[in-house]
Amino acid sequence: MPSRGCKPTTNLCIQLLYHHHISAMDNKLQFKTNINCNGCIRSVTGFINDVPGIQHWEVDIDNPEKILTVQGNVSPEAVVEAVEEAGFDIAPIA
């Protein structure tokens, strides 16, 4: 998959593409929520899954702060919007 005019066999180009792929996967965001049970997770699933760029997400319902962890190439604002649209409270963790 050539990018920015690079030849696909150029080491620098391969390193840049590899770094871009890893960076997108390594972006990890965490939020406090009130998603507190499996029924809540089912309710929010469609909203979160519709956010472009999310590769993986999970909610720790055993944690008193009900931590939502999201990985992928996505903005915190997009995650907040989706969760609020589903009817839940959400606040980014600094």
PDB file of N, CA and C in Angstrom:
ATOM      1  N   MET A   1       0.839  -1.177   0.000  1.00  0.00           N
ATOM      2  CA  MET A   1       0.000   0.000   0.000  1.00  0.00           C
ATOM      3  C   MET A   1       0.880   1.234   0.000  1.00  0.00           C
ATOM      4  N   PRO A   2       1.281   1.736  -1.166  1.00  0.00           N
ATOM      5  CA  PRO A   2       2.130   2.915  -1.238  1.00  0.00           C
ATOM      6  C   PRO A   2       1.417   4.143  -0.690  1.00  0.00           C
ATOM      7  N   SER A   3       2.206   5.028  -0.108  1.00  0.00           N
ATOM      8  CA  SER A   3       1.639   6.245   0.467  1.00  0.00           C
ATOM      9  C   SER A   3       2.602   7.392   0.259  1.00  0.00           C
ATOM     10  N   ARG A   4       2.060   8.581   0.021  1.00  0.00           N
ATOM     11  CA  ARG A   4       2.859   9.789  -0.116  1.00  0.00           C
ATOM     12  C   ARG A   4       3.958   9.652  -1.167  1.00  0.00           C
ATOM     13  N   GLY A   5       3.697   8.920  -2.235  1.00  0.00           N
ATOM     14  CA  GLY A   5       4.655   8.804  -3.323  1.00  0.00           C
ATOM     15  C   GLY A   5       5.810   7.856  -3.040  1.00  0.00           C
ATOM     16  N   CYS A   6       5.799   7.138  -1.949  1.00  0.00           N
ATOM     17  CA  CYS A   6       6.881   6.197  -1.628  1.00  0.00           C
ATOM     18  C   CYS A   6       6.721   4.927  -2.459  1.00  0.00           C
ATOM     19  N   LYS A   7       7.843   4.330  -2.772  1.00  0.00           N
ATOM     20  CA  LYS A   7       7.797   3.009  -3.371  1.00  0.00           C
ATOM     21  C   LYS A   7       7.594   2.018  -2.228  1.00  0.00           C
ATOM     22  N   PRO A   8       6.734   1.015  -2.389  1.00  0.00           N
ATOM     23  CA  PRO A   8       6.425   0.114  -1.286  1.00  0.00           C
ATOM     24  C   PRO A   8       7.627  -0.663  -0.753  1.00  0.00           C
ATOM     25  N   THR A   9       8.707  -0.742  -1.525  1.00  0.00           N
ATOM     26  CA  THR A   9       9.868  -1.495  -1.048  1.00  0.00           C
ATOM     27  C   THR A   9      10.879  -0.614  -0.320  1.00  0.00           C
ATOM     28  N   THR A  10      10.657   0.666  -0.255  1.00  0.00           N
ATOM     29  CA  THR A  10      11.572   1.568   0.430  1.00  0.00           C
ATOM     30  C   THR A  10      11.463   1.363   1.935  1.00  0.00           C
ATOM     31  N   ASN A  11      12.603   1.112   2.599  1.00  0.00           N
ATOM     32  CA  ASN A  11      12.588   0.852   4.032  1.00  0.00           C
ATOM     33  C   ASN A  11      11.955   1.983   4.825  1.00  0.00           C
ATOM     34  N   LEU A  12      12.277   3.230   4.498  1.00  0.00           N
ATOM     35  CA  LEU A  12      11.719   4.363   5.222  1.00  0.00           C
ATOM     36  C   LEU A  12      10.207   4.401   5.071  1.00  0.00           C
ATOM     37  N   CYS A  13       9.728   4.144   3.873  1.00  0.00           N
ATOM     38  CA  CYS A  13       8.286   4.143   3.624  1.00  0.00           C
ATOM     39  C   CYS A  13       7.630   3.039   4.447  1.00  0.00           C
ATOM     40  N   ILE A  14       8.211   1.861   4.461  1.00  0.00           N
ATOM     41  CA  ILE A  14       7.671   0.743   5.234  1.00  0.00           C
ATOM     42  C   ILE A  14       7.661   1.098   6.718  1.00  0.00           C
ATOM     43  N   GLN A  15       8.725   1.716   7.214  1.00  0.00           N
ATOM     44  CA  GLN A  15       8.778   2.109   8.620  1.00  0.00           C
ATOM     45  C   GLN A  15       7.702   3.130   8.941  1.00  0.00           C
ATOM     46  N   LEU A  16       7.475   4.100   8.048  1.00  0.00           N
ATOM     47  CA  LEU A  16       6.449   5.109   8.283  1.00  0.00           C
ATOM     48  C   LEU A  16       5.063   4.479   8.301  1.00  0.00           C
ATOM     49  N   LEU A  17       4.787   3.581   7.366  1.00  0.00           N
ATOM     50  CA  LEU A  17       3.488   2.912   7.341  1.00  0.00           C
ATOM     51  C   LEU A  17       3.298   2.053   8.576  1.00  0.00           C
ATOM     52  N   TYR A  18       4.354   1.348   8.997  1.00  0.00           N
ATOM     53  CA  TYR A  18       4.288   0.509  10.188  1.00  0.00           C
ATOM     54  C   TYR A  18       4.038   1.372  11.417  1.00  0.00           C
ATOM     55  N   HIS A  19       4.762   2.495  11.528  1.00  0.00           N
ATOM     56  CA  HIS A  19       4.593   3.393  12.669  1.00  0.00           C
ATOM     57  C   HIS A  19       3.172   3.948  12.704  1.00  0.00           C
ATOM     58  N   HIS A  20       2.631   4.322  11.549  1.00  0.00           N
ATOM     59  CA  HIS A  20       1.267   4.856  11.493  1.00  0.00           C
ATOM     60  C   HIS A  20       0.273   3.796  11.977  1.00  0.00           C
ATOM     61  N   HIS A  21       0.443   2.552  11.546  1.00  0.00           N
ATOM     62  CA  HIS A  21      -0.458   1.477  11.953  1.00  0.00           C
ATOM     63  C   HIS A  21      -0.367   1.248  13.459  1.00  0.00           C
ATOM     64  N   ILE A  22       0.827   1.183  13.999  1.00  0.00           N
ATOM     65  CA  ILE A  22       1.009   0.965  15.434  1.00  0.00           C
ATOM     66  C   ILE A  22       0.458   2.144  16.223  1.00  0.00           C
ATOM     67  N   SER A  23       0.705   3.370  15.778  1.00  0.00           N
ATOM     68  CA  SER A  23       0.217   4.548  16.489  1.00  0.00           C
ATOM     69  C   SER A  23      -1.301   4.536  16.575  1.00  0.00           C
ATOM     70  N   ALA A  24      -1.962   4.164  15.504  1.00  0.00           N
ATOM     71  CA  ALA A  24      -3.416   4.140  15.505  1.00  0.00           C
ATOM     72  C   ALA A  24      -3.942   3.102  16.491  1.00  0.00           C
ATOM     73  N   MET A  25      -3.275   1.968  16.572  1.00  0.00           N
ATOM     74  CA  MET A  25      -3.719   0.917  17.477  1.00  0.00           C
ATOM     75  C   MET A  25      -3.367   1.241  18.930  1.00  0.00           C
ATOM     76  N   ASP A  26      -2.301   1.997  19.158  1.00  0.00           N
ATOM     77  CA  ASP A  26      -1.832   2.262  20.507  1.00  0.00           C
ATOM     78  C   ASP A  26      -2.550   3.424  21.183  1.00  0.00           C
ATOM     79  N   ASN A  27      -3.369   4.183  20.452  1.00  0.00           N
ATOM     80  CA  ASN A  27      -4.090   5.290  21.048  1.00  0.00           C
ATOM     81  C   ASN A  27      -5.105   4.713  22.026  1.00  0.00           C
ATOM     82  N   LYS A  28      -4.885   4.965  23.321  1.00  0.00           N
ATOM     83  CA  LYS A  28      -5.742   4.400  24.364  1.00  0.00           C
ATOM     84  C   LYS A  28      -6.372   5.540  25.151  1.00  0.00           C
ATOM     85  N   LEU A  29      -7.684   5.551  25.203  1.00  0.00           N
ATOM     86  CA  LEU A  29      -8.435   6.568  25.931  1.00  0.00           C
ATOM     87  C   LEU A  29      -9.220   5.890  27.048  1.00  0.00           C
ATOM     88  N   GLN A  30      -9.341   6.589  28.191  1.00  0.00           N
ATOM     89  CA  GLN A  30     -10.133   6.046  29.287  1.00  0.00           C
ATOM     90  C   GLN A  30     -11.107   7.095  29.802  1.00  0.00           C
ATOM     91  N   PHE A  31     -12.280   6.610  30.231  1.00  0.00           N
ATOM     92  CA  PHE A  31     -13.360   7.476  30.675  1.00  0.00           C
ATOM     93  C   PHE A  31     -14.045   6.874  31.895  1.00  0.00           C
ATOM     94  N   LYS A  32     -14.507   7.738  32.784  1.00  0.00           N
ATOM     95  CA  LYS A  32     -15.406   7.320  33.854  1.00  0.00           C
ATOM     96  C   LYS A  32     -16.805   7.347  33.278  1.00  0.00           C
ATOM     97  N   THR A  33     -17.611   6.318  33.595  1.00  0.00           N
ATOM     98  CA  THR A  33     -18.971   6.256  33.062  1.00  0.00           C
ATOM     99  C   THR A  33     -19.935   5.775  34.143  1.00  0.00           C
ATOM    100  N   ASN A  34     -21.205   5.713  33.774  1.00  0.00           N
ATOM    101  CA  ASN A  34     -22.191   5.046  34.619  1.00  0.00           C
ATOM    102  C   ASN A  34     -22.750   3.809  33.905  1.00  0.00           C
ATOM    103  N   ILE A  35     -21.918   3.213  33.059  1.00  0.00           N
ATOM    104  CA  ILE A  35     -22.258   1.953  32.382  1.00  0.00           C
ATOM    105  C   ILE A  35     -21.956   0.852  33.386  1.00  0.00           C
ATOM    106  N   ASN A  36     -22.979   0.395  34.122  1.00  0.00           N
ATOM    107  CA  ASN A  36     -22.683  -0.422  35.296  1.00  0.00           C
ATOM    108  C   ASN A  36     -23.138  -1.876  35.261  1.00  0.00           C
ATOM    109  N   CYS A  37     -23.654  -2.354  34.124  1.00  0.00           N
ATOM    110  CA  CYS A  37     -24.061  -3.761  34.074  1.00  0.00           C
ATOM    111  C   CYS A  37     -24.000  -4.259  32.627  1.00  0.00           C
ATOM    112  N   ASN A  38     -24.211  -5.551  32.460  1.00  0.00           N
ATOM    113  CA  ASN A  38     -24.170  -6.127  31.116  1.00  0.00           C
ATOM    114  C   ASN A  38     -25.299  -5.588  30.234  1.00  0.00           C
ATOM    115  N   GLY A  39     -26.444  -5.276  30.831  1.00  0.00           N
ATOM    116  CA  GLY A  39     -27.537  -4.678  30.066  1.00  0.00           C
ATOM    117  C   GLY A  39     -27.152  -3.308  29.539  1.00  0.00           C
ATOM    118  N   CYS A  40     -26.443  -2.531  30.363  1.00  0.00           N
ATOM    119  CA  CYS A  40     -25.954  -1.216  29.928  1.00  0.00           C
ATOM    120  C   CYS A  40     -24.955  -1.371  28.783  1.00  0.00           C
ATOM    121  N   ILE A  41     -24.085  -2.358  28.897  1.00  0.00           N
ATOM    122  CA  ILE A  41     -23.101  -2.601  27.837  1.00  0.00           C
ATOM    123  C   ILE A  41     -23.822  -2.933  26.533  1.00  0.00           C
ATOM    124  N   ARG A  42     -24.864  -3.764  26.606  1.00  0.00           N
ATOM    125  CA  ARG A  42     -25.638  -4.087  25.396  1.00  0.00           C
ATOM    126  C   ARG A  42     -26.270  -2.820  24.814  1.00  0.00           C
ATOM    127  N   SER A  43     -26.755  -1.946  25.685  1.00  0.00           N
ATOM    128  CA  SER A  43     -27.409  -0.716  25.219  1.00  0.00           C
ATOM    129  C   SER A  43     -26.456   0.237  24.507  1.00  0.00           C
ATOM    130  N   VAL A  44     -25.213   0.311  24.973  1.00  0.00           N
ATOM    131  CA  VAL A  44     -24.253   1.272  24.416  1.00  0.00           C
ATOM    132  C   VAL A  44     -23.454   0.690  23.247  1.00  0.00           C
ATOM    133  N   THR A  45     -23.465  -0.618  23.093  1.00  0.00           N
ATOM    134  CA  THR A  45     -22.627  -1.288  22.093  1.00  0.00           C
ATOM    135  C   THR A  45     -22.814  -0.730  20.681  1.00  0.00           C
ATOM    136  N   GLY A  46     -24.022  -0.613  20.209  1.00  0.00           N
ATOM    137  CA  GLY A  46     -24.256  -0.124  18.852  1.00  0.00           C
ATOM    138  C   GLY A  46     -23.742   1.286  18.639  1.00  0.00           C
ATOM    139  N   PHE A  47     -23.881   2.128  19.661  1.00  0.00           N
ATOM    140  CA  PHE A  47     -23.423   3.516  19.558  1.00  0.00           C
ATOM    141  C   PHE A  47     -21.897   3.585  19.470  1.00  0.00           C
ATOM    142  N   ILE A  48     -21.217   2.814  20.317  1.00  0.00           N
ATOM    143  CA  ILE A  48     -19.747   2.828  20.304  1.00  0.00           C
ATOM    144  C   ILE A  48     -19.222   2.165  19.035  1.00  0.00           C
ATOM    145  N   ASN A  49     -19.840   1.069  18.637  1.00  0.00           N
ATOM    146  CA  ASN A  49     -19.377   0.367  17.430  1.00  0.00           C
ATOM    147  C   ASN A  49     -19.540   1.202  16.167  1.00  0.00           C
ATOM    148  N   ASP A  50     -20.432   2.183  16.191  1.00  0.00           N
ATOM    149  CA  ASP A  50     -20.633   3.051  15.028  1.00  0.00           C
ATOM    150  C   ASP A  50     -19.601   4.173  14.914  1.00  0.00           C
ATOM    151  N   VAL A  51     -18.751   4.339  15.926  1.00  0.00           N
ATOM    152  CA  VAL A  51     -17.741   5.407  15.898  1.00  0.00           C
ATOM    153  C   VAL A  51     -16.566   4.945  15.032  1.00  0.00           C
ATOM    154  N   PRO A  52     -16.291   5.645  13.930  1.00  0.00           N
ATOM    155  CA  PRO A  52     -15.169   5.260  13.064  1.00  0.00           C
ATOM    156  C   PRO A  52     -13.838   5.349  13.821  1.00  0.00           C
ATOM    157  N   GLY A  53     -12.977   4.372  13.578  1.00  0.00           N
ATOM    158  CA  GLY A  53     -11.629   4.397  14.143  1.00  0.00           C
ATOM    159  C   GLY A  53     -11.446   3.590  15.406  1.00  0.00           C
ATOM    160  N   ILE A  54     -12.538   3.197  16.065  1.00  0.00           N
ATOM    161  CA  ILE A  54     -12.396   2.392  17.278  1.00  0.00           C
ATOM    162  C   ILE A  54     -12.050   0.961  16.873  1.00  0.00           C
ATOM    163  N   GLN A  55     -10.946   0.466  17.409  1.00  0.00           N
ATOM    164  CA  GLN A  55     -10.504  -0.898  17.124  1.00  0.00           C
ATOM    165  C   GLN A  55     -10.961  -1.875  18.210  1.00  0.00           C
ATOM    166  N   HIS A  56     -11.019  -1.392  19.452  1.00  0.00           N
ATOM    167  CA  HIS A  56     -11.384  -2.243  20.589  1.00  0.00           C
ATOM    168  C   HIS A  56     -11.893  -1.354  21.706  1.00  0.00           C
ATOM    169  N   TRP A  57     -12.875  -1.836  22.452  1.00  0.00           N
ATOM    170  CA  TRP A  57     -13.337  -1.118  23.629  1.00  0.00           C
ATOM    171  C   TRP A  57     -13.856  -2.112  24.653  1.00  0.00           C
ATOM    172  N   GLU A  58     -13.817  -1.690  25.911  1.00  0.00           N
ATOM    173  CA  GLU A  58     -14.339  -2.519  26.988  1.00  0.00           C
ATOM    174  C   GLU A  58     -14.679  -1.641  28.179  1.00  0.00           C
ATOM    175  N   VAL A  59     -15.616  -2.119  29.003  1.00  0.00           N
ATOM    176  CA  VAL A  59     -15.997  -1.404  30.217  1.00  0.00           C
ATOM    177  C   VAL A  59     -15.701  -2.314  31.399  1.00  0.00           C
ATOM    178  N   ASP A  60     -14.991  -1.777  32.393  1.00  0.00           N
ATOM    179  CA  ASP A  60     -14.717  -2.512  33.630  1.00  0.00           C
ATOM    180  C   ASP A  60     -15.848  -2.207  34.605  1.00  0.00           C
ATOM    181  N   ILE A  61     -16.891  -3.050  34.578  1.00  0.00           N
ATOM    182  CA  ILE A  61     -18.043  -2.793  35.441  1.00  0.00           C
ATOM    183  C   ILE A  61     -17.767  -3.171  36.897  1.00  0.00           C
ATOM    184  N   ASP A  62     -16.658  -3.846  37.160  1.00  0.00           N
ATOM    185  CA  ASP A  62     -16.271  -4.156  38.537  1.00  0.00           C
ATOM    186  C   ASP A  62     -15.579  -2.973  39.202  1.00  0.00           C
ATOM    187  N   ASN A  63     -15.054  -2.053  38.411  1.00  0.00           N
ATOM    188  CA  ASN A  63     -14.405  -0.855  38.936  1.00  0.00           C
ATOM    189  C   ASN A  63     -15.495   0.109  39.407  1.00  0.00           C
ATOM    190  N   PRO A  64     -15.358   0.690  40.596  1.00  0.00           N
ATOM    191  CA  PRO A  64     -16.382   1.618  41.079  1.00  0.00           C
ATOM    192  C   PRO A  64     -16.643   2.801  40.136  1.00  0.00           C
ATOM    193  N   GLU A  65     -15.648   3.167  39.314  1.00  0.00           N
ATOM    194  CA  GLU A  65     -15.811   4.282  38.377  1.00  0.00           C
ATOM    195  C   GLU A  65     -16.247   3.831  36.990  1.00  0.00           C
ATOM    196  N   LYS A  66     -16.506   2.527  36.829  1.00  0.00           N
ATOM    197  CA  LYS A  66     -17.019   1.964  35.566  1.00  0.00           C
ATOM    198  C   LYS A  66     -16.216   2.473  34.372  1.00  0.00           C
ATOM    199  N   ILE A  67     -14.930   2.117  34.347  1.00  0.00           N
ATOM    200  CA  ILE A  67     -13.983   2.653  33.369  1.00  0.00           C
ATOM    201  C   ILE A  67     -14.209   2.061  31.982  1.00  0.00           C
ATOM    202  N   LEU A  68     -14.433   2.960  31.019  1.00  0.00           N
ATOM    203  CA  LEU A  68     -14.501   2.601  29.603  1.00  0.00           C
ATOM    204  C   LEU A  68     -13.124   2.846  29.007  1.00  0.00           C
ATOM    205  N   THR A  69     -12.542   1.808  28.412  1.00  0.00           N
ATOM    206  CA  THR A  69     -11.252   1.922  27.733  1.00  0.00           C
ATOM    207  C   THR A  69     -11.492   1.722  26.241  1.00  0.00           C
ATOM    208  N   VAL A  70     -10.978   2.656  25.450  1.00  0.00           N
ATOM    209  CA  VAL A  70     -11.158   2.626  23.994  1.00  0.00           C
ATOM    210  C   VAL A  70      -9.789   2.668  23.348  1.00  0.00           C
ATOM    211  N   GLN A  71      -9.563   1.803  22.354  1.00  0.00           N
ATOM    212  CA  GLN A  71      -8.315   1.804  21.596  1.00  0.00           C
ATOM    213  C   GLN A  71      -8.631   2.003  20.124  1.00  0.00           C
ATOM    214  N   GLY A  72      -7.784   2.784  19.476  1.00  0.00           N
ATOM    215  CA  GLY A  72      -7.942   3.030  18.053  1.00  0.00           C
ATOM    216  C   GLY A  72      -7.560   4.447  17.710  1.00  0.00           C
ATOM    217  N   ASN A  73      -7.898   4.837  16.518  1.00  0.00           N
ATOM    218  CA  ASN A  73      -7.609   6.179  16.037  1.00  0.00           C
ATOM    219  C   ASN A  73      -8.912   6.970  16.111  1.00  0.00           C
ATOM    220  N   VAL A  74      -9.204   7.502  17.294  1.00  0.00           N
ATOM    221  CA  VAL A  74     -10.483   8.155  17.552  1.00  0.00           C
ATOM    222  C   VAL A  74     -10.285   9.302  18.535  1.00  0.00           C
ATOM    223  N   SER A  75     -11.101  10.338  18.409  1.00  0.00           N
ATOM    224  CA  SER A  75     -10.998  11.467  19.326  1.00  0.00           C
ATOM    225  C   SER A  75     -11.834  11.212  20.580  1.00  0.00           C
ATOM    226  N   PRO A  76     -11.414  11.775  21.703  1.00  0.00           N
ATOM    227  CA  PRO A  76     -12.217  11.642  22.928  1.00  0.00           C
ATOM    228  C   PRO A  76     -13.631  12.201  22.728  1.00  0.00           C
ATOM    229  N   GLU A  77     -13.746  13.279  21.966  1.00  0.00           N
ATOM    230  CA  GLU A  77     -15.046  13.904  21.740  1.00  0.00           C
ATOM    231  C   GLU A  77     -16.019  12.953  21.030  1.00  0.00           C
ATOM    232  N   ALA A  78     -15.511  12.168  20.092  1.00  0.00           N
ATOM    233  CA  ALA A  78     -16.362  11.226  19.362  1.00  0.00           C
ATOM    234  C   ALA A  78     -16.894  10.136  20.294  1.00  0.00           C
ATOM    235  N   VAL A  79     -16.043   9.680  21.213  1.00  0.00           N
ATOM    236  CA  VAL A  79     -16.464   8.654  22.174  1.00  0.00           C
ATOM    237  C   VAL A  79     -17.504   9.241  23.126  1.00  0.00           C
ATOM    238  N   VAL A  80     -17.241  10.433  23.647  1.00  0.00           N
ATOM    239  CA  VAL A  80     -18.179  11.089  24.565  1.00  0.00           C
ATOM    240  C   VAL A  80     -19.537  11.277  23.894  1.00  0.00           C
ATOM    241  N   GLU A  81     -19.529  11.747  22.663  1.00  0.00           N
ATOM    242  CA  GLU A  81     -20.780  11.974  21.931  1.00  0.00           C
ATOM    243  C   GLU A  81     -21.585  10.683  21.790  1.00  0.00           C
ATOM    244  N   ALA A  82     -20.909   9.591  21.440  1.00  0.00           N
ATOM    245  CA  ALA A  82     -21.595   8.308  21.245  1.00  0.00           C
ATOM    246  C   ALA A  82     -22.202   7.792  22.544  1.00  0.00           C
ATOM    247  N   VAL A  83     -21.436   7.858  23.626  1.00  0.00           N
ATOM    248  CA  VAL A  83     -21.922   7.341  24.909  1.00  0.00           C
ATOM    249  C   VAL A  83     -23.069   8.203  25.439  1.00  0.00           C
ATOM    250  N   GLU A  84     -22.949   9.508  25.294  1.00  0.00           N
ATOM    251  CA  GLU A  84     -24.034  10.390  25.735  1.00  0.00           C
ATOM    252  C   GLU A  84     -25.288  10.180  24.888  1.00  0.00           C
ATOM    253  N   GLU A  85     -25.109   9.945  23.603  1.00  0.00           N
ATOM    254  CA  GLU A  85     -26.248   9.681  22.725  1.00  0.00           C
ATOM    255  C   GLU A  85     -26.974   8.404  23.149  1.00  0.00           C
ATOM    256  N   ALA A  86     -26.220   7.457  23.704  1.00  0.00           N
ATOM    257  CA  ALA A  86     -26.814   6.209  24.193  1.00  0.00           C
ATOM    258  C   ALA A  86     -27.517   6.411  25.534  1.00  0.00           C
ATOM    259  N   GLY A  87     -27.340   7.591  26.145  1.00  0.00           N
ATOM    260  CA  GLY A  87     -28.040   7.897  27.389  1.00  0.00           C
ATOM    261  C   GLY A  87     -27.224   7.707  28.649  1.00  0.00           C
ATOM    262  N   PHE A  88     -25.909   7.623  28.514  1.00  0.00           N
ATOM    263  CA  PHE A  88     -25.056   7.403  29.683  1.00  0.00           C
ATOM    264  C   PHE A  88     -24.181   8.614  29.957  1.00  0.00           C
ATOM    265  N   ASP A  89     -23.723   8.724  31.202  1.00  0.00           N
ATOM    266  CA  ASP A  89     -22.783   9.766  31.601  1.00  0.00           C
ATOM    267  C   ASP A  89     -21.367   9.291  31.302  1.00  0.00           C
ATOM    268  N   ILE A  90     -20.506  10.233  30.935  1.00  0.00           N
ATOM    269  CA  ILE A  90     -19.125   9.903  30.589  1.00  0.00           C
ATOM    270  C   ILE A  90     -18.246  11.128  30.822  1.00  0.00           C
ATOM    271  N   ALA A  91     -17.041  10.875  31.361  1.00  0.00           N
ATOM    272  CA  ALA A  91     -16.073  11.949  31.575  1.00  0.00           C
ATOM    273  C   ALA A  91     -14.677  11.404  31.304  1.00  0.00           C
ATOM    274  N   PRO A  92     -13.890  12.094  30.470  1.00  0.00           N
ATOM    275  CA  PRO A  92     -12.521  11.637  30.199  1.00  0.00           C
ATOM    276  C   PRO A  92     -11.680  11.598  31.479  1.00  0.00           C
ATOM    277  N   ILE A  93     -10.790  10.637  31.537  1.00  0.00           N
ATOM    278  CA  ILE A  93      -9.821  10.552  32.628  1.00  0.00           C
ATOM    279  C   ILE A  93      -8.543  11.189  32.123  1.00  0.00           C
ATOM    280  N   ALA A  94      -8.041  12.170  32.858  1.00  0.00           N
ATOM    281  CA  ALA A  94      -6.832  12.909  32.425  1.00  0.00           C
ATOM    282  C   ALA A  94      -5.599  12.048  32.466  1.00  0.00           C
TER     283      ALA A  94
END
